[in-house]
Amino acid sequence: MELANRVGVSHQQIHKYEQGQSKISAGMLYKLAAVFSTSPSSFFEGYNPEKHMPAPLIIQNDIISLKAKDEIKLLLIEDSASDEFLVRKVLETFPHKFEIYCVHNGEDAIHYLKGRVNPAPFIRPDIILLDLNLPKLGGLAILRAIKQDRDIQDIPVLVLTNSLSKQDMLNAYKNFASGYISKSFDFTTFRKNLQTALTYWVDAVILPDA
């Protein structure tokens, strides 16, 4: 009951979470992580805390490392479960291994990326996929927040959206988006577009180290 009061749900709902009878939203996952002073990732089977600890931001020398990343950390900010599923299906076809983190509304995205109010370690993504039409806080506001934060402004942000508005596209690029990808209704086209964009960022360029 104490836990239920702290996260703002009934104790019956907590029992449903414990017994696997109810899905836990991303927002609730962050609340639970804050209560238990841990990472949201620690609720998943196979979590290794040592692997997920952030590397200290220390520049040993001024030479770029050309070693390819063994695993690409990708943050998906997307409220649509069906679009999240399609993105995950596309990533399964890549020769590279992606570790995917997903948040489902703008507030959770800001808490994760900028506020870092949780005592849990911040897992810095290599690439961010950002939907423009999000509940609570829109994608453009999140993009501005990212690019105004010196600690994370170097992370490439690819806008992934249904919007065909030229103004939305211009606003995204004016706020330093690294790409603007239309969500095609045709999965083959969508897969090709996303694969092309991510292949560039994974294979053709050198991503900043955490």
N, C-alpha and C. Protein backbone atom coordinates (compact mmCIF):
# COMPACT_ATOMS: atom_id res chain seq x y z
N MET A 1 0.82 -1.20 0.00
CA MET A 1 0.00 0.00 0.00
C MET A 1 0.87 1.26 0.00
N GLU A 2 2.02 1.19 0.69
CA GLU A 2 2.92 2.34 0.68
C GLU A 2 3.44 2.61 -0.73
N LEU A 3 3.80 1.53 -1.43
CA LEU A 3 4.27 1.69 -2.81
C LEU A 3 3.17 2.26 -3.70
N ALA A 4 1.95 1.77 -3.52
CA ALA A 4 0.82 2.26 -4.31
C ALA A 4 0.62 3.76 -4.10
N ASN A 5 0.73 4.20 -2.84
CA ASN A 5 0.57 5.62 -2.55
C ASN A 5 1.67 6.46 -3.19
N ARG A 6 2.89 5.92 -3.21
CA ARG A 6 4.02 6.69 -3.73
C ARG A 6 3.97 6.84 -5.24
N VAL A 7 3.39 5.86 -5.93
CA VAL A 7 3.34 5.95 -7.40
C VAL A 7 1.96 6.35 -7.91
N GLY A 8 0.99 6.51 -6.99
CA GLY A 8 -0.31 7.06 -7.38
C GLY A 8 -1.27 6.08 -8.01
N VAL A 9 -1.24 4.81 -7.60
CA VAL A 9 -2.21 3.83 -8.08
C VAL A 9 -2.77 3.07 -6.89
N SER A 10 -3.76 2.23 -7.14
CA SER A 10 -4.33 1.42 -6.07
C SER A 10 -3.42 0.26 -5.73
N HIS A 11 -3.57 -0.27 -4.51
CA HIS A 11 -2.74 -1.43 -4.14
C HIS A 11 -3.16 -2.67 -4.95
N GLN A 12 -4.42 -2.69 -5.42
CA GLN A 12 -4.84 -3.79 -6.28
C GLN A 12 -4.06 -3.78 -7.61
N GLN A 13 -3.81 -2.55 -8.11
CA GLN A 13 -3.04 -2.44 -9.35
C GLN A 13 -1.61 -2.90 -9.15
N ILE A 14 -1.03 -2.62 -8.00
CA ILE A 14 0.33 -3.10 -7.69
C ILE A 14 0.36 -4.62 -7.70
N HIS A 15 -0.67 -5.24 -7.13
CA HIS A 15 -0.74 -6.71 -7.13
C HIS A 15 -0.81 -7.24 -8.57
N LYS A 16 -1.53 -6.54 -9.44
CA LYS A 16 -1.62 -6.97 -10.83
C LYS A 16 -0.27 -6.88 -11.52
N TYR A 17 0.49 -5.81 -11.20
CA TYR A 17 1.85 -5.70 -11.74
C TYR A 17 2.71 -6.87 -11.26
N GLU A 18 2.61 -7.17 -9.96
CA GLU A 18 3.42 -8.24 -9.38
C GLU A 18 3.12 -9.60 -10.02
N GLN A 19 1.86 -9.82 -10.32
CA GLN A 19 1.44 -11.12 -10.84
C GLN A 19 1.46 -11.18 -12.36
N GLY A 20 1.89 -10.10 -13.01
CA GLY A 20 1.96 -10.09 -14.46
C GLY A 20 0.62 -10.04 -15.15
N GLN A 21 -0.40 -9.52 -14.44
CA GLN A 21 -1.75 -9.47 -15.00
C GLN A 21 -2.04 -8.13 -15.70
N SER A 22 -1.13 -7.18 -15.56
CA SER A 22 -1.35 -5.85 -16.14
C SER A 22 -0.03 -5.32 -16.69
N LYS A 23 -0.09 -4.70 -17.87
CA LYS A 23 1.12 -4.12 -18.46
C LYS A 23 1.49 -2.84 -17.73
N ILE A 24 2.80 -2.58 -17.65
CA ILE A 24 3.30 -1.39 -16.99
C ILE A 24 3.69 -0.37 -18.06
N SER A 25 3.13 0.83 -17.98
CA SER A 25 3.46 1.88 -18.94
C SER A 25 4.88 2.39 -18.70
N ALA A 26 5.42 3.09 -19.69
CA ALA A 26 6.76 3.65 -19.54
C ALA A 26 6.81 4.64 -18.38
N GLY A 27 5.75 5.47 -18.25
CA GLY A 27 5.73 6.44 -17.17
C GLY A 27 5.74 5.77 -15.80
N MET A 28 4.94 4.71 -15.65
CA MET A 28 4.92 4.00 -14.38
C MET A 28 6.25 3.30 -14.10
N LEU A 29 6.89 2.81 -15.17
CA LEU A 29 8.19 2.16 -15.00
C LEU A 29 9.21 3.12 -14.42
N TYR A 30 9.20 4.37 -14.89
CA TYR A 30 10.13 5.37 -14.37
C TYR A 30 9.81 5.72 -12.91
N LYS A 31 8.51 5.76 -12.56
CA LYS A 31 8.14 6.03 -11.17
C LYS A 31 8.64 4.91 -10.26
N LEU A 32 8.45 3.66 -10.69
CA LEU A 32 8.91 2.52 -9.89
C LEU A 32 10.42 2.52 -9.76
N ALA A 33 11.11 2.87 -10.86
CA ALA A 33 12.57 2.92 -10.82
C ALA A 33 13.05 3.97 -9.82
N ALA A 34 12.35 5.12 -9.78
CA ALA A 34 12.72 6.17 -8.84
C ALA A 34 12.52 5.72 -7.40
N VAL A 35 11.42 5.02 -7.14
CA VAL A 35 11.13 4.55 -5.78
C VAL A 35 12.20 3.58 -5.30
N PHE A 36 12.62 2.67 -6.20
CA PHE A 36 13.57 1.64 -5.81
C PHE A 36 15.03 2.03 -6.10
N SER A 37 15.23 3.29 -6.54
CA SER A 37 16.59 3.80 -6.80
C SER A 37 17.36 2.90 -7.75
N THR A 38 16.73 2.58 -8.87
CA THR A 38 17.38 1.70 -9.83
C THR A 38 17.04 2.17 -11.24
N SER A 39 17.59 1.48 -12.24
CA SER A 39 17.31 1.82 -13.63
C SER A 39 16.02 1.13 -14.08
N PRO A 40 15.24 1.78 -14.95
CA PRO A 40 14.07 1.10 -15.51
C PRO A 40 14.45 -0.21 -16.19
N SER A 41 15.65 -0.27 -16.73
CA SER A 41 16.10 -1.49 -17.42
C SER A 41 16.24 -2.66 -16.48
N SER A 42 16.42 -2.38 -15.18
CA SER A 42 16.64 -3.47 -14.22
C SER A 42 15.40 -4.33 -14.00
N PHE A 43 14.24 -3.87 -14.49
CA PHE A 43 13.02 -4.66 -14.36
C PHE A 43 12.92 -5.73 -15.43
N PHE A 44 13.85 -5.72 -16.39
CA PHE A 44 13.80 -6.68 -17.47
C PHE A 44 14.76 -7.84 -17.21
N GLU A 45 14.34 -9.02 -17.59
CA GLU A 45 15.16 -10.22 -17.41
C GLU A 45 16.47 -10.09 -18.19
N GLY A 46 17.57 -10.44 -17.55
CA GLY A 46 18.87 -10.40 -18.22
C GLY A 46 19.61 -9.09 -18.04
N TYR A 47 19.05 -8.16 -17.24
CA TYR A 47 19.70 -6.87 -17.04
C TYR A 47 21.01 -7.04 -16.30
N ASN A 48 22.06 -6.40 -16.80
CA ASN A 48 23.38 -6.43 -16.18
C ASN A 48 23.76 -5.01 -15.78
N PRO A 49 23.72 -4.66 -14.48
CA PRO A 49 23.96 -3.26 -14.07
C PRO A 49 25.34 -2.75 -14.45
N GLU A 50 26.36 -3.60 -14.41
CA GLU A 50 27.71 -3.15 -14.74
C GLU A 50 27.79 -2.76 -16.21
N LYS A 51 27.09 -3.50 -17.06
CA LYS A 51 27.10 -3.21 -18.49
C LYS A 51 26.43 -1.88 -18.78
N HIS A 52 25.42 -1.50 -17.98
CA HIS A 52 24.62 -0.33 -18.28
C HIS A 52 25.07 0.93 -17.53
N MET A 53 26.13 0.84 -16.75
CA MET A 53 26.63 2.03 -16.09
C MET A 53 27.22 2.98 -17.12
N PRO A 54 26.92 4.28 -17.04
CA PRO A 54 27.44 5.22 -18.03
C PRO A 54 28.94 5.39 -17.90
N ALA A 55 29.60 5.50 -19.02
CA ALA A 55 31.04 5.71 -19.02
C ALA A 55 31.34 7.14 -18.61
N PRO A 56 32.38 7.36 -17.79
CA PRO A 56 32.72 8.73 -17.42
C PRO A 56 33.15 9.53 -18.63
N LEU A 57 32.76 10.80 -18.65
CA LEU A 57 33.07 11.66 -19.79
C LEU A 57 34.48 12.22 -19.61
N ILE A 58 35.46 11.40 -19.95
CA ILE A 58 36.86 11.79 -19.82
C ILE A 58 37.53 11.59 -21.18
N ILE A 59 38.14 12.65 -21.69
CA ILE A 59 38.84 12.56 -22.97
C ILE A 59 40.29 12.19 -22.69
N GLN A 60 40.65 10.98 -23.04
CA GLN A 60 42.01 10.51 -22.79
C GLN A 60 42.99 11.18 -23.75
N ASN A 61 42.59 11.36 -24.98
CA ASN A 61 43.41 12.07 -25.96
C ASN A 61 42.49 12.66 -27.01
N ASP A 62 43.06 13.32 -27.98
CA ASP A 62 42.26 14.02 -28.98
C ASP A 62 42.18 13.23 -30.28
N ILE A 63 42.33 11.92 -30.21
CA ILE A 63 42.29 11.07 -31.39
C ILE A 63 40.95 10.35 -31.45
N ILE A 64 40.27 10.44 -32.59
CA ILE A 64 38.98 9.76 -32.76
C ILE A 64 39.20 8.25 -32.84
N SER A 65 38.37 7.50 -32.11
CA SER A 65 38.42 6.05 -32.20
C SER A 65 37.66 5.58 -33.44
N LEU A 66 38.33 4.80 -34.27
CA LEU A 66 37.70 4.29 -35.50
C LEU A 66 37.11 2.90 -35.30
N LYS A 67 37.18 2.40 -34.09
CA LYS A 67 36.64 1.07 -33.81
C LYS A 67 35.12 1.11 -33.87
N ALA A 68 34.53 0.20 -34.63
CA ALA A 68 33.08 0.15 -34.77
C ALA A 68 32.43 -0.24 -33.43
N LYS A 69 31.27 0.33 -33.17
CA LYS A 69 30.54 0.00 -31.95
C LYS A 69 29.97 -1.41 -32.05
N ASP A 70 30.12 -2.18 -30.98
CA ASP A 70 29.56 -3.53 -30.97
C ASP A 70 28.04 -3.50 -30.87
N GLU A 71 27.52 -2.45 -30.27
CA GLU A 71 26.09 -2.36 -30.04
C GLU A 71 25.67 -0.90 -30.11
N ILE A 72 24.61 -0.61 -30.85
CA ILE A 72 24.11 0.75 -31.00
C ILE A 72 22.96 0.95 -30.02
N LYS A 73 23.08 1.94 -29.15
CA LYS A 73 22.00 2.27 -28.22
C LYS A 73 21.07 3.26 -28.91
N LEU A 74 19.84 2.87 -29.09
CA LEU A 74 18.87 3.69 -29.81
C LEU A 74 17.70 4.01 -28.90
N LEU A 75 17.41 5.29 -28.76
CA LEU A 75 16.24 5.72 -28.00
C LEU A 75 15.12 6.05 -28.97
N LEU A 76 14.00 5.37 -28.82
CA LEU A 76 12.81 5.61 -29.63
C LEU A 76 11.79 6.36 -28.78
N ILE A 77 11.42 7.57 -29.22
CA ILE A 77 10.40 8.36 -28.52
C ILE A 77 9.15 8.31 -29.38
N GLU A 78 8.23 7.45 -29.03
CA GLU A 78 7.10 7.10 -29.89
C GLU A 78 5.91 6.67 -29.04
N ASP A 79 4.73 7.28 -29.29
CA ASP A 79 3.56 6.93 -28.50
C ASP A 79 2.71 5.84 -29.13
N SER A 80 2.93 5.55 -30.41
CA SER A 80 2.12 4.55 -31.11
C SER A 80 2.73 3.16 -30.96
N ALA A 81 1.96 2.25 -30.36
CA ALA A 81 2.47 0.88 -30.18
C ALA A 81 2.70 0.20 -31.52
N SER A 82 1.85 0.47 -32.50
CA SER A 82 2.00 -0.17 -33.81
C SER A 82 3.24 0.34 -34.52
N ASP A 83 3.53 1.66 -34.42
CA ASP A 83 4.74 2.20 -35.04
C ASP A 83 5.99 1.71 -34.33
N GLU A 84 5.91 1.58 -33.02
CA GLU A 84 7.05 1.02 -32.27
C GLU A 84 7.34 -0.40 -32.75
N PHE A 85 6.28 -1.18 -32.95
CA PHE A 85 6.45 -2.55 -33.42
C PHE A 85 7.13 -2.57 -34.79
N LEU A 86 6.71 -1.68 -35.70
CA LEU A 86 7.30 -1.64 -37.04
C LEU A 86 8.78 -1.25 -36.99
N VAL A 87 9.11 -0.28 -36.14
CA VAL A 87 10.52 0.11 -36.01
C VAL A 87 11.35 -1.06 -35.50
N ARG A 88 10.83 -1.77 -34.51
CA ARG A 88 11.56 -2.92 -33.97
C ARG A 88 11.74 -4.01 -35.04
N LYS A 89 10.72 -4.21 -35.88
CA LYS A 89 10.82 -5.20 -36.95
C LYS A 89 11.90 -4.80 -37.95
N VAL A 90 11.99 -3.50 -38.27
CA VAL A 90 13.02 -3.04 -39.19
C VAL A 90 14.41 -3.25 -38.59
N LEU A 91 14.56 -2.93 -37.31
CA LEU A 91 15.87 -3.06 -36.68
C LEU A 91 16.33 -4.51 -36.59
N GLU A 92 15.37 -5.43 -36.57
CA GLU A 92 15.74 -6.85 -36.54
C GLU A 92 16.43 -7.29 -37.83
N THR A 93 16.23 -6.54 -38.92
CA THR A 93 16.82 -6.91 -40.21
C THR A 93 18.24 -6.37 -40.38
N PHE A 94 18.72 -5.56 -39.46
CA PHE A 94 20.05 -4.97 -39.56
C PHE A 94 21.12 -5.99 -39.16
N PRO A 95 22.31 -5.90 -39.77
CA PRO A 95 23.42 -6.74 -39.34
C PRO A 95 23.99 -6.28 -38.01
N HIS A 96 23.66 -5.05 -37.59
CA HIS A 96 24.17 -4.51 -36.33
C HIS A 96 23.20 -4.85 -35.20
N LYS A 97 23.75 -4.89 -34.00
CA LYS A 97 22.93 -5.14 -32.83
C LYS A 97 22.48 -3.81 -32.23
N PHE A 98 21.18 -3.66 -32.05
CA PHE A 98 20.63 -2.46 -31.45
C PHE A 98 20.11 -2.78 -30.06
N GLU A 99 20.43 -1.91 -29.11
CA GLU A 99 19.80 -1.98 -27.79
C GLU A 99 18.78 -0.85 -27.76
N ILE A 100 17.51 -1.20 -27.70
CA ILE A 100 16.44 -0.22 -27.90
C ILE A 100 15.83 0.18 -26.55
N TYR A 101 15.73 1.49 -26.35
CA TYR A 101 15.01 2.04 -25.22
C TYR A 101 13.85 2.84 -25.79
N CYS A 102 12.70 2.76 -25.17
CA CYS A 102 11.52 3.44 -25.72
C CYS A 102 10.76 4.17 -24.62
N VAL A 103 10.41 5.41 -24.88
CA VAL A 103 9.50 6.17 -24.01
C VAL A 103 8.32 6.61 -24.86
N HIS A 104 7.17 6.80 -24.22
CA HIS A 104 5.92 6.92 -24.98
C HIS A 104 5.24 8.27 -24.89
N ASN A 105 5.84 9.24 -24.21
CA ASN A 105 5.27 10.59 -24.24
C ASN A 105 6.39 11.60 -24.00
N GLY A 106 6.07 12.87 -24.26
CA GLY A 106 7.09 13.90 -24.20
C GLY A 106 7.67 14.13 -22.82
N GLU A 107 6.82 14.07 -21.79
CA GLU A 107 7.31 14.32 -20.43
C GLU A 107 8.33 13.27 -20.01
N ASP A 108 8.02 12.00 -20.30
CA ASP A 108 8.96 10.94 -19.95
C ASP A 108 10.27 11.09 -20.71
N ALA A 109 10.18 11.54 -21.96
CA ALA A 109 11.39 11.74 -22.75
C ALA A 109 12.28 12.80 -22.12
N ILE A 110 11.67 13.92 -21.70
CA ILE A 110 12.45 14.98 -21.07
C ILE A 110 13.03 14.53 -19.74
N HIS A 111 12.25 13.82 -18.94
CA HIS A 111 12.76 13.30 -17.67
C HIS A 111 13.96 12.39 -17.89
N TYR A 112 13.88 11.59 -18.92
CA TYR A 112 14.97 10.65 -19.20
C TYR A 112 16.20 11.37 -19.72
N LEU A 113 16.01 12.25 -20.70
CA LEU A 113 17.14 12.86 -21.39
C LEU A 113 17.71 14.10 -20.70
N LYS A 114 16.86 14.92 -20.13
CA LYS A 114 17.31 16.21 -19.65
C LYS A 114 17.22 16.35 -18.13
N GLY A 115 16.03 16.03 -17.59
CA GLY A 115 15.85 16.22 -16.17
C GLY A 115 16.66 15.25 -15.33
N ARG A 116 16.65 13.98 -15.75
CA ARG A 116 17.38 12.94 -15.02
C ARG A 116 17.08 13.01 -13.52
N VAL A 117 15.79 13.09 -13.21
CA VAL A 117 15.39 13.20 -11.82
C VAL A 117 15.53 11.87 -11.09
N ASN A 118 15.60 10.78 -11.84
CA ASN A 118 15.73 9.48 -11.20
C ASN A 118 17.15 9.29 -10.68
N PRO A 119 17.31 8.57 -9.59
CA PRO A 119 18.66 8.22 -9.15
C PRO A 119 19.28 7.14 -10.03
N ALA A 120 18.49 6.58 -10.96
CA ALA A 120 19.00 5.53 -11.84
C ALA A 120 20.01 6.13 -12.82
N PRO A 121 20.99 5.33 -13.25
CA PRO A 121 21.98 5.84 -14.20
C PRO A 121 21.34 6.18 -15.55
N PHE A 122 21.85 7.23 -16.16
CA PHE A 122 21.37 7.66 -17.47
C PHE A 122 22.07 6.86 -18.55
N ILE A 123 21.30 6.14 -19.37
CA ILE A 123 21.87 5.38 -20.48
C ILE A 123 21.88 6.29 -21.70
N ARG A 124 23.05 6.75 -22.10
CA ARG A 124 23.16 7.71 -23.20
C ARG A 124 22.97 7.00 -24.53
N PRO A 125 21.97 7.43 -25.32
CA PRO A 125 21.76 6.80 -26.64
C PRO A 125 22.79 7.28 -27.65
N ASP A 126 23.08 6.44 -28.64
CA ASP A 126 23.92 6.84 -29.77
C ASP A 126 23.09 7.58 -30.82
N ILE A 127 21.83 7.17 -30.96
CA ILE A 127 20.92 7.76 -31.94
C ILE A 127 19.54 7.88 -31.29
N ILE A 128 18.82 8.94 -31.65
CA ILE A 128 17.45 9.11 -31.15
C ILE A 128 16.50 9.14 -32.34
N LEU A 129 15.44 8.33 -32.30
CA LEU A 129 14.34 8.41 -33.25
C LEU A 129 13.18 9.10 -32.54
N LEU A 130 12.72 10.21 -33.10
CA LEU A 130 11.75 11.06 -32.43
C LEU A 130 10.50 11.27 -33.27
N ASP A 131 9.35 10.88 -32.72
CA ASP A 131 8.06 11.19 -33.34
C ASP A 131 7.69 12.63 -33.02
N LEU A 132 7.07 13.33 -33.95
CA LEU A 132 6.69 14.73 -33.71
C LEU A 132 5.42 14.85 -32.90
N ASN A 133 4.45 13.98 -33.16
CA ASN A 133 3.13 14.10 -32.53
C ASN A 133 3.07 13.21 -31.29
N LEU A 134 3.41 13.81 -30.15
CA LEU A 134 3.47 13.08 -28.90
C LEU A 134 2.51 13.70 -27.88
N PRO A 135 1.95 12.89 -26.97
CA PRO A 135 1.12 13.46 -25.91
C PRO A 135 1.98 14.16 -24.86
N LYS A 136 1.37 15.14 -24.22
CA LYS A 136 1.94 15.90 -23.10
C LYS A 136 2.97 16.94 -23.54
N LEU A 137 3.85 16.59 -24.46
CA LEU A 137 4.86 17.53 -24.94
C LEU A 137 5.25 17.12 -26.35
N GLY A 138 5.17 18.05 -27.29
CA GLY A 138 5.40 17.72 -28.68
C GLY A 138 6.86 17.44 -29.01
N GLY A 139 7.06 16.79 -30.15
CA GLY A 139 8.39 16.40 -30.56
C GLY A 139 9.34 17.57 -30.81
N LEU A 140 8.83 18.67 -31.35
CA LEU A 140 9.69 19.83 -31.60
C LEU A 140 10.22 20.41 -30.30
N ALA A 141 9.40 20.43 -29.25
CA ALA A 141 9.84 20.92 -27.95
C ALA A 141 10.94 20.02 -27.39
N ILE A 142 10.79 18.72 -27.59
CA ILE A 142 11.82 17.78 -27.13
C ILE A 142 13.11 18.00 -27.91
N LEU A 143 12.99 18.18 -29.23
CA LEU A 143 14.16 18.42 -30.06
C LEU A 143 14.91 19.67 -29.61
N ARG A 144 14.18 20.74 -29.34
CA ARG A 144 14.82 21.98 -28.87
C ARG A 144 15.54 21.74 -27.54
N ALA A 145 14.88 21.00 -26.63
CA ALA A 145 15.49 20.74 -25.33
C ALA A 145 16.79 19.96 -25.47
N ILE A 146 16.79 18.99 -26.37
CA ILE A 146 18.00 18.19 -26.59
C ILE A 146 19.12 19.07 -27.12
N LYS A 147 18.82 19.88 -28.12
CA LYS A 147 19.86 20.66 -28.78
C LYS A 147 20.31 21.87 -27.96
N GLN A 148 19.60 22.19 -26.89
CA GLN A 148 20.01 23.27 -25.99
C GLN A 148 20.78 22.75 -24.78
N ASP A 149 20.88 21.44 -24.66
CA ASP A 149 21.59 20.81 -23.54
C ASP A 149 22.98 20.39 -24.01
N ARG A 150 24.00 21.01 -23.50
CA ARG A 150 25.36 20.74 -23.98
C ARG A 150 25.81 19.30 -23.76
N ASP A 151 25.21 18.63 -22.78
CA ASP A 151 25.61 17.25 -22.48
C ASP A 151 25.11 16.25 -23.51
N ILE A 152 24.02 16.59 -24.21
CA ILE A 152 23.42 15.61 -25.13
C ILE A 152 23.17 16.18 -26.52
N GLN A 153 23.52 17.44 -26.78
CA GLN A 153 23.17 18.07 -28.05
C GLN A 153 23.90 17.45 -29.24
N ASP A 154 24.96 16.68 -28.98
CA ASP A 154 25.70 16.05 -30.08
C ASP A 154 25.09 14.74 -30.54
N ILE A 155 24.05 14.26 -29.87
CA ILE A 155 23.42 13.00 -30.27
C ILE A 155 22.56 13.24 -31.51
N PRO A 156 22.74 12.46 -32.58
CA PRO A 156 21.89 12.63 -33.77
C PRO A 156 20.43 12.32 -33.45
N VAL A 157 19.54 13.22 -33.88
CA VAL A 157 18.10 13.02 -33.68
C VAL A 157 17.44 12.94 -35.05
N LEU A 158 16.87 11.78 -35.35
CA LEU A 158 16.15 11.58 -36.60
C LEU A 158 14.66 11.68 -36.33
N VAL A 159 13.99 12.63 -36.97
CA VAL A 159 12.55 12.78 -36.80
C VAL A 159 11.84 11.74 -37.66
N LEU A 160 10.94 10.99 -37.05
CA LEU A 160 10.21 9.93 -37.72
C LEU A 160 8.73 10.25 -37.55
N THR A 161 8.03 10.64 -38.63
CA THR A 161 6.71 11.22 -38.44
C THR A 161 5.76 10.95 -39.59
N ASN A 162 4.46 11.03 -39.30
CA ASN A 162 3.42 10.96 -40.32
C ASN A 162 3.16 12.31 -40.97
N SER A 163 3.70 13.37 -40.38
CA SER A 163 3.41 14.72 -40.86
C SER A 163 4.02 14.96 -42.23
N LEU A 164 3.20 15.49 -43.13
CA LEU A 164 3.68 15.89 -44.46
C LEU A 164 3.75 17.42 -44.57
N SER A 165 3.69 18.09 -43.42
CA SER A 165 3.73 19.54 -43.39
C SER A 165 5.14 20.04 -43.68
N LYS A 166 5.24 20.93 -44.67
CA LYS A 166 6.54 21.52 -44.99
C LYS A 166 7.06 22.34 -43.82
N GLN A 167 6.13 22.99 -43.09
CA GLN A 167 6.54 23.80 -41.94
C GLN A 167 7.13 22.93 -40.85
N ASP A 168 6.51 21.76 -40.60
CA ASP A 168 7.06 20.83 -39.61
C ASP A 168 8.47 20.41 -40.00
N MET A 169 8.66 20.12 -41.29
CA MET A 169 9.98 19.70 -41.75
C MET A 169 11.00 20.81 -41.55
N LEU A 170 10.65 22.05 -41.94
CA LEU A 170 11.57 23.18 -41.79
C LEU A 170 11.88 23.44 -40.32
N ASN A 171 10.85 23.35 -39.47
CA ASN A 171 11.07 23.56 -38.03
C ASN A 171 12.01 22.51 -37.45
N ALA A 172 11.87 21.28 -37.94
CA ALA A 172 12.75 20.21 -37.45
C ALA A 172 14.20 20.50 -37.81
N TYR A 173 14.45 20.87 -39.06
CA TYR A 173 15.82 21.15 -39.48
C TYR A 173 16.36 22.43 -38.84
N LYS A 174 15.50 23.44 -38.63
CA LYS A 174 15.95 24.66 -37.96
C LYS A 174 16.35 24.39 -36.52
N ASN A 175 15.80 23.32 -35.96
CA ASN A 175 16.16 22.93 -34.59
C ASN A 175 17.19 21.80 -34.59
N PHE A 176 17.92 21.68 -35.71
CA PHE A 176 19.10 20.82 -35.82
C PHE A 176 18.79 19.32 -35.80
N ALA A 177 17.64 18.94 -36.36
CA ALA A 177 17.38 17.51 -36.57
C ALA A 177 18.40 16.96 -37.56
N SER A 178 18.77 15.72 -37.40
CA SER A 178 19.75 15.09 -38.29
C SER A 178 19.09 14.40 -39.48
N GLY A 179 17.76 14.41 -39.52
CA GLY A 179 17.04 13.81 -40.64
C GLY A 179 15.54 13.90 -40.39
N TYR A 180 14.77 13.83 -41.46
CA TYR A 180 13.31 13.91 -41.38
C TYR A 180 12.76 12.77 -42.24
N ILE A 181 12.22 11.75 -41.59
CA ILE A 181 11.81 10.53 -42.28
C ILE A 181 10.29 10.39 -42.19
N SER A 182 9.65 10.24 -43.33
CA SER A 182 8.20 10.07 -43.36
C SER A 182 7.84 8.61 -43.07
N LYS A 183 6.82 8.43 -42.24
CA LYS A 183 6.31 7.09 -41.97
C LYS A 183 5.39 6.68 -43.12
N SER A 184 5.91 5.91 -44.04
CA SER A 184 5.09 5.47 -45.17
C SER A 184 4.09 4.42 -44.73
N PHE A 185 2.90 4.43 -45.36
CA PHE A 185 1.90 3.40 -45.06
C PHE A 185 2.32 2.05 -45.63
N ASP A 186 3.23 2.07 -46.58
CA ASP A 186 3.75 0.84 -47.15
C ASP A 186 4.97 0.40 -46.36
N PHE A 187 4.91 -0.79 -45.75
CA PHE A 187 5.99 -1.23 -44.87
C PHE A 187 7.31 -1.38 -45.61
N THR A 188 7.27 -1.84 -46.86
CA THR A 188 8.50 -2.00 -47.63
C THR A 188 9.21 -0.66 -47.82
N THR A 189 8.43 0.37 -48.14
CA THR A 189 9.00 1.70 -48.30
C THR A 189 9.51 2.25 -46.97
N PHE A 190 8.72 2.06 -45.93
CA PHE A 190 9.12 2.50 -44.59
C PHE A 190 10.43 1.83 -44.18
N ARG A 191 10.52 0.52 -44.38
CA ARG A 191 11.72 -0.22 -44.01
C ARG A 191 12.94 0.29 -44.79
N LYS A 192 12.76 0.52 -46.09
CA LYS A 192 13.87 1.01 -46.92
C LYS A 192 14.34 2.38 -46.45
N ASN A 193 13.40 3.28 -46.18
CA ASN A 193 13.77 4.63 -45.75
C ASN A 193 14.51 4.62 -44.42
N LEU A 194 14.00 3.85 -43.46
CA LEU A 194 14.63 3.80 -42.14
C LEU A 194 15.98 3.11 -42.22
N GLN A 195 16.07 2.04 -42.99
CA GLN A 195 17.35 1.34 -43.16
C GLN A 195 18.40 2.26 -43.78
N THR A 196 17.99 3.02 -44.80
CA THR A 196 18.93 3.93 -45.47
C THR A 196 19.47 4.98 -44.50
N ALA A 197 18.56 5.57 -43.73
CA ALA A 197 18.96 6.61 -42.78
C ALA A 197 19.87 6.06 -41.69
N LEU A 198 19.49 4.93 -41.10
CA LEU A 198 20.28 4.38 -40.01
C LEU A 198 21.61 3.81 -40.50
N THR A 199 21.63 3.27 -41.72
CA THR A 199 22.89 2.76 -42.27
C THR A 199 23.91 3.88 -42.38
N TYR A 200 23.45 5.06 -42.77
CA TYR A 200 24.36 6.21 -42.85
C TYR A 200 24.96 6.51 -41.48
N TRP A 201 24.10 6.56 -40.46
CA TRP A 201 24.59 6.95 -39.13
C TRP A 201 25.38 5.85 -38.45
N VAL A 202 25.14 4.59 -38.82
CA VAL A 202 25.85 3.49 -38.19
C VAL A 202 27.14 3.14 -38.93
N ASP A 203 27.09 3.15 -40.28
CA ASP A 203 28.22 2.68 -41.08
C ASP A 203 29.09 3.79 -41.67
N ALA A 204 28.45 4.88 -42.12
CA ALA A 204 29.19 5.87 -42.91
C ALA A 204 29.85 6.96 -42.07
N VAL A 205 29.34 7.22 -40.89
CA VAL A 205 29.89 8.29 -40.07
C VAL A 205 30.38 7.72 -38.74
N ILE A 206 31.15 8.53 -38.03
CA ILE A 206 31.65 8.16 -36.71
C ILE A 206 30.77 8.82 -35.67
N LEU A 207 30.13 8.02 -34.85
CA LEU A 207 29.25 8.55 -33.81
C LEU A 207 30.07 8.97 -32.60
N PRO A 208 29.65 10.03 -31.91
CA PRO A 208 30.38 10.44 -30.70
C PRO A 208 30.29 9.37 -29.63
N ASP A 209 31.38 9.18 -28.91
CA ASP A 209 31.37 8.23 -27.79
C ASP A 209 30.69 8.85 -26.60
N ALA A 210 30.11 7.98 -25.75
CA ALA A 210 29.49 8.48 -24.52
C ALA A 210 30.55 9.01 -23.58
